[in-house]
Amino acid sequence: MEITNSYGEKSIGALSNYRVLELGSLVAGPFCGSFLGDFGAEVIKVEQIEGDPVRAMGDRIKDKSLYAASMMRNKKLISLDLKTPEAQKIICELVSQCDIVIENFRPGVLEGWGLGYLDLKKINPKIIMARVSGFGQEGPYSFRPGYGVIGEAASGLRHLIGDPDLPPSRVAVPLTDYIAGMYAAMGILVALIHREHSGEGQCIDASLFESAFSFLRSEVPSYDKLKKIASRAGSRLPGHVPSNLYKTKDGGYIHISAANSSLFRRLMKAIDQEKLADDPRFADPIERAKNEDVLDPIIAKWVRGKNLDEAESFLIKSDVVVSKIFTVEDIFNDPHFKARDMLPQVPDDELDTLVLPGVVPKLSLTPGRIVRSGGKNGRDTNQVLMDYTSLTKEEVFELNKRGIIRQAPITKAGNILPT
């Protein structure tokens, strides 16, 4: 089967031989789909008639969610009422021509529509299905709904975020959704490798709470053997000293990380405290961790005597691991982000062009690329149904008239409903 990108061109990239059906909404499932799309997979995103809730999130321009434009990049956008038998039949036809299905409904919802993994496996035995949910497909909590921040709270990770004298905080992005989306993508790639050898598809169960919990690599064994309950440490990294945020004379902030002994020696030389590198209290990483409250004020005092740019520039020249805290404005003005192609300007249906976060990671032979930003709900419904299902133009038109599918008004992609 020929795989095409969201412009209908023959797809290129490491995943250009694979077609993906994305049934997810909001963040975790769609983030997984975006990753696959960046590396050439043909991703067909299915939205409900009313549209993905992400379209109501983030800043807007010309009534367009910029967040949705980013999350829906590199995808063909179709809109179906999945609660109807007609739409469920369409999904089954699409699955017969796809390699991968991504979904993040609450466990049991797709089974109720006859679209669970066992149902889809009967249609396409080689199908790989990635299922992202709050608490997993099985277990006593599996019935519970869950967003990323809820999985984060249940995972123990949220307990570690913030200052020790304040309630648990959060990163101002849906961090755990992104983590779970990446785990789902990794699971898909592992399953594809297995399928190449065995011919078998499989189901991937990626939960939000387990994805966040997996980051507690040191905290779990510490509790097991020492009954130590890890907690918030602010901008410090416990046991890794020095690694902290310091305020400059002009009110800026830089983060210095020099726990490695050679790095620590460089830092002490740079701040005119070279003798401290041989002080028994700071001579090795374990002792430095014990005496963090003594060491940190010494470093902070030096930083307070410098302006931000001066401190950062001097420490970089001294080969110390350091960075100021970047804002998005700083990023747009930074030459390194530009050199790394992390701010590509990509085509957009309504805005002509839009700058989006670049592709990660960088591959030397098969790099990813962003072909197109996300567009209107149902932008590609007509074309996808005509290309990949047995429906006629007249049947597609009738389904649209009945509200079972939705075709967006004509766009630059040229999608027009039959009349």
Foldseek 3Di string as FASTA:
>chain_A
DFAAWQLRHGWAFPLSVFEEEEAAADFQRLLLVVQSLLGTYAYEYEAELVGGPCQVDDDDDPSGHPSQLQSCFRYHFWYFHLVDLVVLVLVLLQLLVGAEYEYEDQAPPCVVSLRDPVSSCVSPQNHAYEYEAAPWNDDPCSRPHDALVRLCVLQLNQQAAAAPVDHRDDDPDSVLSNLLSVVSNVVVVVQVVVCVVVVGYYYHIGYSNVSNNVVCVPQVVCCVVPVDRDGYHHQCDQLFPPWGWAAEQVGFIKTFGQLQLVLVCLLCVLLVNNVVCVPPCRVHSNSCNVVVVVPVVSSNVSRHHHDDVVVVVSVVVSVTDMDTDDDVVNLVVDVVCVVVVQFDWEQEFPPRTDTYGARPDQDDPGGTHGHYTDYDRQQCNQVCCVVRHPDDLVRVVVCCVVSRIDHDPAIPSGDDRDD
